[in-house]
Amino acid sequence: MKKIERIIMKIIIIQFAFLAVSQMIHHWDLFPKLYELAEYEGVSKSNFTKILETFEQNN
């Protein structure tokens, strides 16, 4: 059981490290192309009103 707990703790630490690094990359804009991809996919902008307008027009 101790061995499994150690493995799980290592996985948690690695996941946290990757999360911290990815947050820093986005915060400091180290890869501008990555930001452009997020904008293109619509992740960073709120498109909720456009969706509502589309639904209202179809009814």
Protein backbone atom coordinates (compact mmCIF):
# COMPACT_ATOMS: atom_id res chain seq x y z
CA MET A 1 0.00 0.00 0.00
CA LYS A 2 2.88 2.37 0.80
CA LYS A 3 4.31 1.82 -2.68
CA ILE A 4 1.01 2.79 -4.33
CA GLU A 5 0.74 5.89 -2.14
CA ARG A 6 4.25 6.97 -3.14
CA ILE A 7 3.41 6.51 -6.82
CA ILE A 8 0.19 8.51 -6.46
CA MET A 9 2.02 11.32 -4.64
CA LYS A 10 4.64 11.45 -7.40
CA ILE A 11 1.91 11.66 -10.04
CA ILE A 12 0.20 14.48 -8.12
CA ILE A 13 3.45 16.43 -7.82
CA ILE A 14 4.22 15.98 -11.53
CA GLN A 15 0.69 17.09 -12.48
CA PHE A 16 1.00 20.18 -10.29
CA ALA A 17 4.37 21.02 -11.83
CA PHE A 18 2.96 20.77 -15.36
CA LEU A 19 -0.04 22.89 -14.35
CA ALA A 20 2.21 25.59 -12.88
CA VAL A 21 4.46 25.63 -15.96
CA SER A 22 1.52 25.84 -18.37
CA GLN A 23 -0.06 28.66 -16.36
CA MET A 24 3.23 30.58 -16.45
CA ILE A 25 3.53 30.04 -20.21
CA HIS A 26 0.07 31.51 -20.77
CA HIS A 27 0.49 34.31 -18.23
CA TRP A 28 3.84 35.53 -19.58
CA ASP A 29 2.83 34.88 -23.22
CA LEU A 30 5.98 32.88 -23.94
CA PHE A 31 4.47 31.25 -27.02
CA PRO A 32 2.39 33.83 -28.92
CA LYS A 33 1.31 31.21 -31.47
CA LEU A 34 -0.31 29.21 -28.67
CA TYR A 35 -2.39 32.26 -27.70
CA GLU A 36 -3.47 32.69 -31.32
CA LEU A 37 -4.60 29.05 -31.42
CA ALA A 38 -6.63 29.53 -28.24
CA GLU A 39 -8.29 32.60 -29.75
CA TYR A 40 -8.97 30.75 -33.00
CA GLU A 41 -10.63 27.90 -31.12
CA GLY A 42 -12.74 30.37 -29.14
CA VAL A 43 -11.39 29.35 -25.76
CA SER A 44 -10.46 32.82 -24.53
CA LYS A 45 -13.52 34.70 -25.77
CA SER A 46 -17.11 34.46 -24.66
CA ASN A 47 -19.31 33.40 -27.57
CA PHE A 48 -22.37 32.81 -25.41
CA THR A 49 -24.41 35.75 -26.75
CA LYS A 50 -23.86 34.70 -30.37
CA ILE A 51 -25.13 31.22 -29.55
CA LEU A 52 -28.23 32.66 -27.91
CA GLU A 53 -28.88 34.91 -30.90
CA THR A 54 -28.60 31.92 -33.23
CA PHE A 55 -31.08 29.91 -31.17
CA GLU A 56 -33.53 32.79 -31.04
CA GLN A 57 -33.41 33.28 -34.82
CA ASN A 58 -34.18 29.62 -35.50
CA ASN A 59 -37.38 29.57 -33.42
